[in-house]
Amino acid sequence: MKVTLWGTRGSLADAGPQTVRYGGNTACVEVEGNDGSVLVLDAGTGIRRLGTALRRDLRRVDMLLTHLHMDHIQGLGFFAPLYQAGVEVHIWGPPSATQGLRSRIARYMSPPLFPVLIRDLPCDLKIHDAPRDTFSVNEFKVTADLVTHPGPTMGFRIEEGPAIVAYLPDHEPVLGAGSFPLRCEWTSGYNLARGAEMLIHDAQYSEEEYETHIGWGHSTIAQAVSFALMTRARKLVTFHHDPSHDDATLDALVNQAQIDCDCDLELIAGTEGAAFEID
């Protein structure tokens, strides 16, 4: 399994031209299976570059949307496979009690927000409400469940044989957990991240910033580390960086977290373009 980060921001970066190593595109991750199957995690602005880099002979792409906040879908209309006849594009996302996923996506993929209607796309588009359960996508076993973030928001656990990646880009597990550091197996997202080889997790705030953003649905790096330790994940990739954090700020936050984390957890700063092989 190969994992590539195409966008790592919470919203478009406004930290200035010095923000280059971490990147400025919003959330998008590619997971490629050993058989060549492709999963796209979220459709932020990073998905445009991903779409142009995909193999030309690819006949099916599956997209898993954690939720429909704009920073996670604003690149959807620029995803190249949507405009390729003969390509199957499956979109999976959180269910709603009021509207199906297709209807909610159509509110974005329509004028005045976007000029191309869903019904006019030449690809073979199939849109699914993701079950809060385990389901198969080609060779992948995917588990989806709701997590703590405003609006219906899902996290995903992706397994290919013994390789496990957990993706929780917008997540505030400490909210309602009752204690910190996190110790409770009932904490939001626990079963998705349990024993993962790689955990890609929200790490938007510094400790000082979090004090004025409690309940916004995001985590500090320290909270992400605590969640990773509780779930016994082997690698933690920090994700959903605050748009106002430049490279120097993110370096300082990650370096301090590495100093504070006296443990076996491998802490990796999520940078746009980074690729990982998960055995």
C-alpha atoms as a PDB file:
ATOM      1  CA  MET A   1       0.000   0.000   0.000  1.00  0.00           C
ATOM      2  CA  LYS A   2       1.320   3.433  -0.960  1.00  0.00           C
ATOM      3  CA  VAL A   3       0.052   6.635   0.673  1.00  0.00           C
ATOM      4  CA  THR A   4       0.660  10.060  -0.906  1.00  0.00           C
ATOM      5  CA  LEU A   5      -0.302  13.416   0.595  1.00  0.00           C
ATOM      6  CA  TRP A   6      -1.617  15.835  -2.068  1.00  0.00           C
ATOM      7  CA  GLY A   7      -3.022  18.468   0.297  1.00  0.00           C
ATOM      8  CA  THR A   8      -2.525  18.898   4.047  1.00  0.00           C
ATOM      9  CA  ARG A   9      -4.164  22.233   4.982  1.00  0.00           C
ATOM     10  CA  GLY A  10      -7.374  22.923   6.843  1.00  0.00           C
ATOM     11  CA  SER A  11      -8.167  25.718   4.357  1.00  0.00           C
ATOM     12  CA  LEU A  12      -6.167  27.569   1.766  1.00  0.00           C
ATOM     13  CA  ALA A  13      -2.917  28.814   3.315  1.00  0.00           C
ATOM     14  CA  ASP A  14      -2.636  32.519   4.061  1.00  0.00           C
ATOM     15  CA  ALA A  15       0.698  32.363   5.871  1.00  0.00           C
ATOM     16  CA  GLY A  16       2.572  33.997   3.001  1.00  0.00           C
ATOM     17  CA  PRO A  17       5.149  32.906   0.432  1.00  0.00           C
ATOM     18  CA  GLN A  18       7.338  31.238   3.066  1.00  0.00           C
ATOM     19  CA  THR A  19       4.792  28.394   3.282  1.00  0.00           C
ATOM     20  CA  VAL A  20       6.322  26.101   0.696  1.00  0.00           C
ATOM     21  CA  ARG A  21       7.523  22.840   2.275  1.00  0.00           C
ATOM     22  CA  TYR A  22       4.262  21.978   4.007  1.00  0.00           C
ATOM     23  CA  GLY A  23       2.203  23.148   1.043  1.00  0.00           C
ATOM     24  CA  GLY A  24      -0.950  25.227   0.718  1.00  0.00           C
ATOM     25  CA  ASN A  25      -3.520  22.830  -0.792  1.00  0.00           C
ATOM     26  CA  THR A  26      -6.446  21.560   1.238  1.00  0.00           C
ATOM     27  CA  ALA A  27      -7.087  17.969   2.293  1.00  0.00           C
ATOM     28  CA  CYS A  28      -6.498  15.197  -0.228  1.00  0.00           C
ATOM     29  CA  VAL A  29      -4.685  11.866   0.204  1.00  0.00           C
ATOM     30  CA  GLU A  30      -4.144   9.052  -2.295  1.00  0.00           C
ATOM     31  CA  VAL A  31      -3.982   5.400  -1.244  1.00  0.00           C
ATOM     32  CA  GLU A  32      -2.776   2.984  -3.915  1.00  0.00           C
ATOM     33  CA  GLY A  33      -3.161  -0.739  -3.371  1.00  0.00           C
ATOM     34  CA  ASN A  34      -0.772  -3.469  -4.409  1.00  0.00           C
ATOM     35  CA  ASP A  35      -3.120  -4.337  -7.287  1.00  0.00           C
ATOM     36  CA  GLY A  36      -3.167  -0.750  -8.557  1.00  0.00           C
ATOM     37  CA  SER A  37      -6.544   0.160  -7.038  1.00  0.00           C
ATOM     38  CA  VAL A  38      -6.834   3.814  -6.020  1.00  0.00           C
ATOM     39  CA  LEU A  39      -8.664   5.389  -3.105  1.00  0.00           C
ATOM     40  CA  VAL A  40      -8.878   9.184  -2.886  1.00  0.00           C
ATOM     41  CA  LEU A  41      -9.436  10.521   0.618  1.00  0.00           C
ATOM     42  CA  ASP A  42     -11.255  13.869   0.455  1.00  0.00           C
ATOM     43  CA  ALA A  43     -11.495  16.269  -2.474  1.00  0.00           C
ATOM     44  CA  GLY A  44      -9.729  19.425  -1.332  1.00  0.00           C
ATOM     45  CA  THR A  45      -7.728  21.534  -3.775  1.00  0.00           C
ATOM     46  CA  GLY A  46      -4.920  18.951  -3.785  1.00  0.00           C
ATOM     47  CA  ILE A  47      -7.141  16.626  -5.838  1.00  0.00           C
ATOM     48  CA  ARG A  48      -6.512  18.614  -9.025  1.00  0.00           C
ATOM     49  CA  ARG A  49      -2.833  17.641  -9.104  1.00  0.00           C
ATOM     50  CA  LEU A  50      -3.674  14.086  -8.082  1.00  0.00           C
ATOM     51  CA  GLY A  51      -6.122  13.752 -10.976  1.00  0.00           C
ATOM     52  CA  THR A  52      -3.522  14.733 -13.546  1.00  0.00           C
ATOM     53  CA  ALA A  53      -0.968  12.298 -12.045  1.00  0.00           C
ATOM     54  CA  LEU A  54      -3.171   9.188 -12.163  1.00  0.00           C
ATOM     55  CA  ARG A  55      -2.449   6.401 -14.649  1.00  0.00           C
ATOM     56  CA  ARG A  56      -4.165   6.942 -17.999  1.00  0.00           C
ATOM     57  CA  ASP A  57      -5.348   3.325 -18.114  1.00  0.00           C
ATOM     58  CA  LEU A  58      -7.134   3.557 -14.739  1.00  0.00           C
ATOM     59  CA  ARG A  59     -10.779   2.547 -15.205  1.00  0.00           C
ATOM     60  CA  ARG A  60     -12.070   2.964 -11.635  1.00  0.00           C
ATOM     61  CA  VAL A  61     -11.408   5.455  -8.845  1.00  0.00           C
ATOM     62  CA  ASP A  62     -13.079   5.451  -5.406  1.00  0.00           C
ATOM     63  CA  MET A  63     -13.311   8.634  -3.348  1.00  0.00           C
ATOM     64  CA  LEU A  64     -14.009   8.668   0.395  1.00  0.00           C
ATOM     65  CA  LEU A  65     -15.296  12.012   1.684  1.00  0.00           C
ATOM     66  CA  THR A  66     -15.055  12.541   5.434  1.00  0.00           C
ATOM     67  CA  HIS A  67     -17.563  15.423   5.308  1.00  0.00           C
ATOM     68  CA  LEU A  68     -18.785  18.206   3.060  1.00  0.00           C
ATOM     69  CA  HIS A  69     -17.122  21.284   4.544  1.00  0.00           C
ATOM     70  CA  MET A  70     -15.805  23.377   1.681  1.00  0.00           C
ATOM     71  CA  ASP A  71     -12.106  22.755   2.305  1.00  0.00           C
ATOM     72  CA  HIS A  72     -12.741  19.018   1.761  1.00  0.00           C
ATOM     73  CA  ILE A  73     -14.728  19.269  -1.497  1.00  0.00           C
ATOM     74  CA  GLN A  74     -13.610  22.503  -3.165  1.00  0.00           C
ATOM     75  CA  GLY A  75     -11.369  20.628  -5.622  1.00  0.00           C
ATOM     76  CA  LEU A  76     -14.011  18.076  -6.623  1.00  0.00           C
ATOM     77  CA  GLY A  77     -15.061  19.809  -9.825  1.00  0.00           C
ATOM     78  CA  PHE A  78     -11.448  19.882 -11.038  1.00  0.00           C
ATOM     79  CA  PHE A  79     -10.817  16.126 -10.681  1.00  0.00           C
ATOM     80  CA  ALA A  80      -9.779  14.914 -14.144  1.00  0.00           C
ATOM     81  CA  PRO A  81     -11.406  11.399 -14.038  1.00  0.00           C
ATOM     82  CA  LEU A  82     -14.844  13.038 -13.728  1.00  0.00           C
ATOM     83  CA  TYR A  83     -14.437  14.221 -17.314  1.00  0.00           C
ATOM     84  CA  GLN A  84     -13.216  10.927 -18.798  1.00  0.00           C
ATOM     85  CA  ALA A  85     -15.824   8.736 -20.481  1.00  0.00           C
ATOM     86  CA  GLY A  86     -15.542   5.071 -19.547  1.00  0.00           C
ATOM     87  CA  VAL A  87     -14.047   5.714 -16.111  1.00  0.00           C
ATOM     88  CA  GLU A  88     -16.042   4.602 -13.070  1.00  0.00           C
ATOM     89  CA  VAL A  89     -15.885   7.158 -10.255  1.00  0.00           C
ATOM     90  CA  HIS A  90     -17.421   6.053  -6.965  1.00  0.00           C
ATOM     91  CA  ILE A  91     -17.927   8.704  -4.271  1.00  0.00           C
ATOM     92  CA  TRP A  92     -18.599   7.551  -0.701  1.00  0.00           C
ATOM     93  CA  GLY A  93     -19.509  10.002   2.062  1.00  0.00           C
ATOM     94  CA  PRO A  94     -21.357  10.511   5.336  1.00  0.00           C
ATOM     95  CA  PRO A  95     -25.088   9.798   5.397  1.00  0.00           C
ATOM     96  CA  SER A  96     -27.582  12.452   6.453  1.00  0.00           C
ATOM     97  CA  ALA A  97     -31.040  12.245   7.945  1.00  0.00           C
ATOM     98  CA  THR A  98     -32.339  14.923   5.568  1.00  0.00           C
ATOM     99  CA  GLN A  99     -30.722  14.453   2.127  1.00  0.00           C
ATOM    100  CA  GLY A 100     -28.784  11.791   0.265  1.00  0.00           C
ATOM    101  CA  LEU A 101     -25.134  12.373  -0.560  1.00  0.00           C
ATOM    102  CA  ARG A 102     -25.851  12.945  -4.248  1.00  0.00           C
ATOM    103  CA  SER A 103     -28.279  15.777  -3.489  1.00  0.00           C
ATOM    104  CA  ARG A 104     -25.830  17.449  -1.115  1.00  0.00           C
ATOM    105  CA  ILE A 105     -22.918  17.250  -3.549  1.00  0.00           C
ATOM    106  CA  ALA A 106     -25.180  18.584  -6.317  1.00  0.00           C
ATOM    107  CA  ARG A 107     -25.648  21.790  -4.322  1.00  0.00           C
ATOM    108  CA  TYR A 108     -21.957  22.501  -4.890  1.00  0.00           C
ATOM    109  CA  MET A 109     -21.705  21.011  -8.404  1.00  0.00           C
ATOM    110  CA  SER A 110     -24.267  23.414  -9.879  1.00  0.00           C
ATOM    111  CA  PRO A 111     -24.564  27.141 -10.735  1.00  0.00           C
ATOM    112  CA  PRO A 112     -23.832  29.649  -9.340  1.00  0.00           C
ATOM    113  CA  LEU A 113     -21.091  27.797  -7.414  1.00  0.00           C
ATOM    114  CA  PHE A 114     -19.901  25.613 -10.307  1.00  0.00           C
ATOM    115  CA  PRO A 115     -20.778  25.633 -14.021  1.00  0.00           C
ATOM    116  CA  VAL A 116     -20.903  21.856 -14.614  1.00  0.00           C
ATOM    117  CA  LEU A 117     -23.851  19.809 -13.352  1.00  0.00           C
ATOM    118  CA  ILE A 118     -23.374  16.288 -11.992  1.00  0.00           C
ATOM    119  CA  ARG A 119     -25.705  14.890 -14.648  1.00  0.00           C
ATOM    120  CA  ASP A 120     -23.502  16.319 -17.407  1.00  0.00           C
ATOM    121  CA  LEU A 121     -20.278  14.599 -16.317  1.00  0.00           C
ATOM    122  CA  PRO A 122     -19.138  12.048 -18.942  1.00  0.00           C
ATOM    123  CA  CYS A 123     -17.705   9.547 -16.446  1.00  0.00           C
ATOM    124  CA  ASP A 124     -19.746   6.684 -14.984  1.00  0.00           C
ATOM    125  CA  LEU A 125     -20.458   8.368 -11.642  1.00  0.00           C
ATOM    126  CA  LYS A 126     -21.870   6.424  -8.697  1.00  0.00           C
ATOM    127  CA  ILE A 127     -22.512   8.151  -5.352  1.00  0.00           C
ATOM    128  CA  HIS A 128     -23.023   6.156  -2.150  1.00  0.00           C
ATOM    129  CA  ASP A 129     -23.954   6.972   1.433  1.00  0.00           C
ATOM    130  CA  ALA A 130     -21.112   5.252   3.280  1.00  0.00           C
ATOM    131  CA  PRO A 131     -22.312   2.727   5.883  1.00  0.00           C
ATOM    132  CA  ARG A 132     -21.168   3.034   9.482  1.00  0.00           C
ATOM    133  CA  ASP A 133     -19.623  -0.373   9.075  1.00  0.00           C
ATOM    134  CA  THR A 134     -16.983  -2.303   7.146  1.00  0.00           C
ATOM    135  CA  PHE A 135     -17.322  -2.637   3.372  1.00  0.00           C
ATOM    136  CA  SER A 136     -15.113  -3.699   0.472  1.00  0.00           C
ATOM    137  CA  VAL A 137     -13.694  -1.427  -2.219  1.00  0.00           C
ATOM    138  CA  ASN A 138     -11.736  -3.558  -4.682  1.00  0.00           C
ATOM    139  CA  GLU A 139      -8.941  -5.124  -2.607  1.00  0.00           C
ATOM    140  CA  PHE A 140      -9.372  -2.695   0.287  1.00  0.00           C
ATOM    141  CA  LYS A 141     -11.390  -3.315   3.434  1.00  0.00           C
ATOM    142  CA  VAL A 142     -12.789   0.040   4.513  1.00  0.00           C
ATOM    143  CA  THR A 143     -14.356   0.781   7.897  1.00  0.00           C
ATOM    144  CA  ALA A 144     -16.250   4.058   8.307  1.00  0.00           C
ATOM    145  CA  ASP A 145     -17.736   5.641  11.403  1.00  0.00           C
ATOM    146  CA  LEU A 146     -18.857   9.037  12.647  1.00  0.00           C
ATOM    147  CA  VAL A 147     -16.329  11.065  14.638  1.00  0.00           C
ATOM    148  CA  THR A 148     -16.375  14.227  16.733  1.00  0.00           C
ATOM    149  CA  HIS A 149     -16.544  17.192  14.344  1.00  0.00           C
ATOM    150  CA  PRO A 150     -19.404  19.615  13.526  1.00  0.00           C
ATOM    151  CA  GLY A 151     -21.877  18.192  11.034  1.00  0.00           C
ATOM    152  CA  PRO A 152     -21.969  14.533   9.948  1.00  0.00           C
ATOM    153  CA  THR A 153     -18.264  13.669   9.704  1.00  0.00           C
ATOM    154  CA  MET A 154     -16.633  10.291   9.174  1.00  0.00           C
ATOM    155  CA  GLY A 155     -13.236   8.835   9.777  1.00  0.00           C
ATOM    156  CA  PHE A 156     -11.917   5.902   7.771  1.00  0.00           C
ATOM    157  CA  ARG A 157      -9.843   2.807   8.468  1.00  0.00           C
ATOM    158  CA  ILE A 158      -8.310   1.275   5.333  1.00  0.00           C
ATOM    159  CA  GLU A 159      -6.865  -2.234   5.370  1.00  0.00           C
ATOM    160  CA  GLU A 160      -5.033  -4.188   2.716  1.00  0.00           C
ATOM    161  CA  GLY A 161      -3.890  -7.449   4.273  1.00  0.00           C
ATOM    162  CA  PRO A 162      -1.937  -6.535   7.406  1.00  0.00           C
ATOM    163  CA  ALA A 163      -1.371  -2.921   6.262  1.00  0.00           C
ATOM    164  CA  ILE A 164      -3.666  -0.465   8.066  1.00  0.00           C
ATOM    165  CA  VAL A 165      -4.034   3.294   7.553  1.00  0.00           C
ATOM    166  CA  ALA A 166      -6.439   5.403   9.614  1.00  0.00           C
ATOM    167  CA  TYR A 167      -7.583   8.778   8.279  1.00  0.00           C
ATOM    168  CA  LEU A 168      -9.140  11.263  10.709  1.00  0.00           C
ATOM    169  CA  PRO A 169      -8.328  14.705   9.297  1.00  0.00           C
ATOM    170  CA  ASP A 170     -10.963  16.700  11.224  1.00  0.00           C
ATOM    171  CA  HIS A 171     -11.302  15.278  14.709  1.00  0.00           C
ATOM    172  CA  GLU A 172     -11.530  16.502  18.314  1.00  0.00           C
ATOM    173  CA  PRO A 173     -11.323  13.280  20.365  1.00  0.00           C
ATOM    174  CA  VAL A 174     -10.631  15.097  23.628  1.00  0.00           C
ATOM    175  CA  LEU A 175     -14.091  16.702  23.498  1.00  0.00           C
ATOM    176  CA  GLY A 176     -16.297  14.750  25.894  1.00  0.00           C
ATOM    177  CA  ALA A 177     -13.573  12.176  26.609  1.00  0.00           C
ATOM    178  CA  GLY A 178     -13.543  13.140  30.282  1.00  0.00           C
ATOM    179  CA  SER A 179      -9.781  13.277  30.746  1.00  0.00           C
ATOM    180  CA  PHE A 180      -6.522  14.224  29.093  1.00  0.00           C
ATOM    181  CA  PRO A 181      -4.203  12.580  28.217  1.00  0.00           C
ATOM    182  CA  LEU A 182      -6.728  10.308  26.526  1.00  0.00           C
ATOM    183  CA  ARG A 183      -7.107   6.878  28.112  1.00  0.00           C
ATOM    184  CA  CYS A 184     -10.643   5.765  27.347  1.00  0.00           C
ATOM    185  CA  GLU A 185     -11.316   3.175  24.628  1.00  0.00           C
ATOM    186  CA  TRP A 186     -14.749   4.760  24.154  1.00  0.00           C
ATOM    187  CA  THR A 187     -13.086   7.894  22.778  1.00  0.00           C
ATOM    188  CA  SER A 188     -14.291   9.013  19.332  1.00  0.00           C
ATOM    189  CA  GLY A 189     -12.375   7.285  16.546  1.00  0.00           C
ATOM    190  CA  TYR A 190     -10.714   4.649  18.736  1.00  0.00           C
ATOM    191  CA  ASN A 191     -11.839   1.618  16.718  1.00  0.00           C
ATOM    192  CA  LEU A 192     -10.827   3.267  13.448  1.00  0.00           C
ATOM    193  CA  ALA A 193      -7.261   4.000  14.562  1.00  0.00           C
ATOM    194  CA  ARG A 194      -6.635   0.976  16.808  1.00  0.00           C
ATOM    195  CA  GLY A 195      -3.332  -0.676  15.895  1.00  0.00           C
ATOM    196  CA  ALA A 196      -2.891   1.282  12.669  1.00  0.00           C
ATOM    197  CA  GLU A 197       0.496   1.272  10.999  1.00  0.00           C
ATOM    198  CA  MET A 198      -0.131   4.905  10.023  1.00  0.00           C
ATOM    199  CA  LEU A 199      -2.550   7.390  11.574  1.00  0.00           C
ATOM    200  CA  ILE A 200      -3.187  10.584   9.591  1.00  0.00           C
ATOM    201  CA  HIS A 201      -4.738  12.898  12.148  1.00  0.00           C
ATOM    202  CA  ASP A 202      -5.887  16.453  12.714  1.00  0.00           C
ATOM    203  CA  ALA A 203      -3.190  18.548  14.459  1.00  0.00           C
ATOM    204  CA  GLN A 204      -4.370  22.050  13.666  1.00  0.00           C
ATOM    205  CA  TYR A 205      -3.765  24.035  16.846  1.00  0.00           C
ATOM    206  CA  SER A 206      -1.093  24.963  19.325  1.00  0.00           C
ATOM    207  CA  GLU A 207      -2.084  24.552  22.974  1.00  0.00           C
ATOM    208  CA  GLU A 208      -2.659  28.305  23.298  1.00  0.00           C
ATOM    209  CA  GLU A 209      -4.840  28.438  20.173  1.00  0.00           C
ATOM    210  CA  TYR A 210      -6.967  25.519  21.302  1.00  0.00           C
ATOM    211  CA  GLU A 211      -8.136  27.389  24.418  1.00  0.00           C
ATOM    212  CA  THR A 212     -10.223  29.690  22.230  1.00  0.00           C
ATOM    213  CA  HIS A 213     -11.311  26.976  19.771  1.00  0.00           C
ATOM    214  CA  ILE A 214     -12.733  24.273  22.049  1.00  0.00           C
ATOM    215  CA  GLY A 215     -15.630  22.558  20.296  1.00  0.00           C
ATOM    216  CA  TRP A 216     -14.560  23.589  16.798  1.00  0.00           C
ATOM    217  CA  GLY A 217     -13.778  19.956  15.953  1.00  0.00           C
ATOM    218  CA  HIS A 218      -9.976  20.106  15.753  1.00  0.00           C
ATOM    219  CA  SER A 219      -6.989  18.973  17.827  1.00  0.00           C
ATOM    220  CA  THR A 220      -3.629  20.142  19.053  1.00  0.00           C
ATOM    221  CA  ILE A 221      -0.523  18.155  18.178  1.00  0.00           C
ATOM    222  CA  ALA A 222      -0.314  17.009  21.813  1.00  0.00           C
ATOM    223  CA  GLN A 223      -3.881  15.702  21.647  1.00  0.00           C
ATOM    224  CA  ALA A 224      -3.123  13.912  18.383  1.00  0.00           C
ATOM    225  CA  VAL A 225      -0.068  12.293  19.993  1.00  0.00           C
ATOM    226  CA  SER A 226      -2.133  11.209  22.998  1.00  0.00           C
ATOM    227  CA  PHE A 227      -4.778   9.723  20.686  1.00  0.00           C
ATOM    228  CA  ALA A 228      -2.100   7.864  18.708  1.00  0.00           C
ATOM    229  CA  LEU A 229      -0.587   6.436  21.891  1.00  0.00           C
ATOM    230  CA  MET A 230      -3.986   5.365  23.204  1.00  0.00           C
ATOM    231  CA  THR A 231      -4.813   3.561  19.951  1.00  0.00           C
ATOM    232  CA  ARG A 232      -1.286   2.085  19.672  1.00  0.00           C
ATOM    233  CA  ALA A 233      -0.728   3.503  16.200  1.00  0.00           C
ATOM    234  CA  ARG A 234       2.879   3.089  15.042  1.00  0.00           C
ATOM    235  CA  LYS A 235       3.216   6.281  12.989  1.00  0.00           C
ATOM    236  CA  LEU A 236       1.400   9.596  13.410  1.00  0.00           C
ATOM    237  CA  VAL A 237       1.269  11.975  10.442  1.00  0.00           C
ATOM    238  CA  THR A 238       0.181  15.473  11.480  1.00  0.00           C
ATOM    239  CA  PHE A 239      -2.499  16.862   9.156  1.00  0.00           C
ATOM    240  CA  HIS A 240      -5.023  19.661   8.618  1.00  0.00           C
ATOM    241  CA  HIS A 241      -2.478  22.373   9.385  1.00  0.00           C
ATOM    242  CA  ASP A 242      -3.855  25.765  10.318  1.00  0.00           C
ATOM    243  CA  PRO A 243      -3.818  28.095   7.281  1.00  0.00           C
ATOM    244  CA  SER A 244      -2.065  30.816   9.297  1.00  0.00           C
ATOM    245  CA  HIS A 245       0.857  28.571  10.303  1.00  0.00           C
ATOM    246  CA  ASP A 246       3.919  29.069   8.110  1.00  0.00           C
ATOM    247  CA  ASP A 247       6.771  26.562   7.773  1.00  0.00           C
ATOM    248  CA  ALA A 248       8.695  27.955  10.747  1.00  0.00           C
ATOM    249  CA  THR A 249       5.643  27.753  13.030  1.00  0.00           C
ATOM    250  CA  LEU A 250       4.855  24.185  11.971  1.00  0.00           C
ATOM    251  CA  ASP A 251       8.498  23.147  12.389  1.00  0.00           C
ATOM    252  CA  ALA A 252       8.492  24.543  15.928  1.00  0.00           C
ATOM    253  CA  LEU A 253       5.215  22.825  16.868  1.00  0.00           C
ATOM    254  CA  VAL A 254       6.309  19.435  15.522  1.00  0.00           C
ATOM    255  CA  ASN A 255       9.798  19.689  17.046  1.00  0.00           C
ATOM    256  CA  GLN A 256       8.339  20.520  20.459  1.00  0.00           C
ATOM    257  CA  ALA A 257       5.897  17.613  20.187  1.00  0.00           C
ATOM    258  CA  GLN A 258       8.801  15.282  19.396  1.00  0.00           C
ATOM    259  CA  ILE A 259      10.659  16.521  22.482  1.00  0.00           C
ATOM    260  CA  ASP A 260       7.585  16.110  24.681  1.00  0.00           C
ATOM    261  CA  CYS A 261       6.780  12.634  23.331  1.00  0.00           C
ATOM    262  CA  ASP A 262       9.227  10.361  25.129  1.00  0.00           C
ATOM    263  CA  CYS A 263       7.864   7.185  23.521  1.00  0.00           C
ATOM    264  CA  ASP A 264       8.238   4.810  20.570  1.00  0.00           C
ATOM    265  CA  LEU A 265       5.674   6.638  18.424  1.00  0.00           C
ATOM    266  CA  GLU A 266       7.091   7.813  15.090  1.00  0.00           C
ATOM    267  CA  LEU A 267       5.915  11.408  14.632  1.00  0.00           C
ATOM    268  CA  ILE A 268       5.919  12.673  11.035  1.00  0.00           C
ATOM    269  CA  ALA A 269       5.085  16.186   9.912  1.00  0.00           C
ATOM    270  CA  GLY A 270       2.556  15.917   7.082  1.00  0.00           C
ATOM    271  CA  THR A 271       3.984  17.740   4.059  1.00  0.00           C
ATOM    272  CA  GLU A 272       2.392  18.023   0.640  1.00  0.00           C
ATOM    273  CA  GLY A 273       3.955  15.538  -1.770  1.00  0.00           C
ATOM    274  CA  ALA A 274       5.182  13.140   0.929  1.00  0.00           C
ATOM    275  CA  ALA A 275       4.765   9.459   0.023  1.00  0.00           C
ATOM    276  CA  PHE A 276       4.901   6.410   2.272  1.00  0.00           C
ATOM    277  CA  GLU A 277       5.042   2.660   1.653  1.00  0.00           C
ATOM    278  CA  ILE A 278       2.961   0.730   4.207  1.00  0.00           C
ATOM    279  CA  ASP A 279       3.999  -2.912   4.443  1.00  0.00           C
END
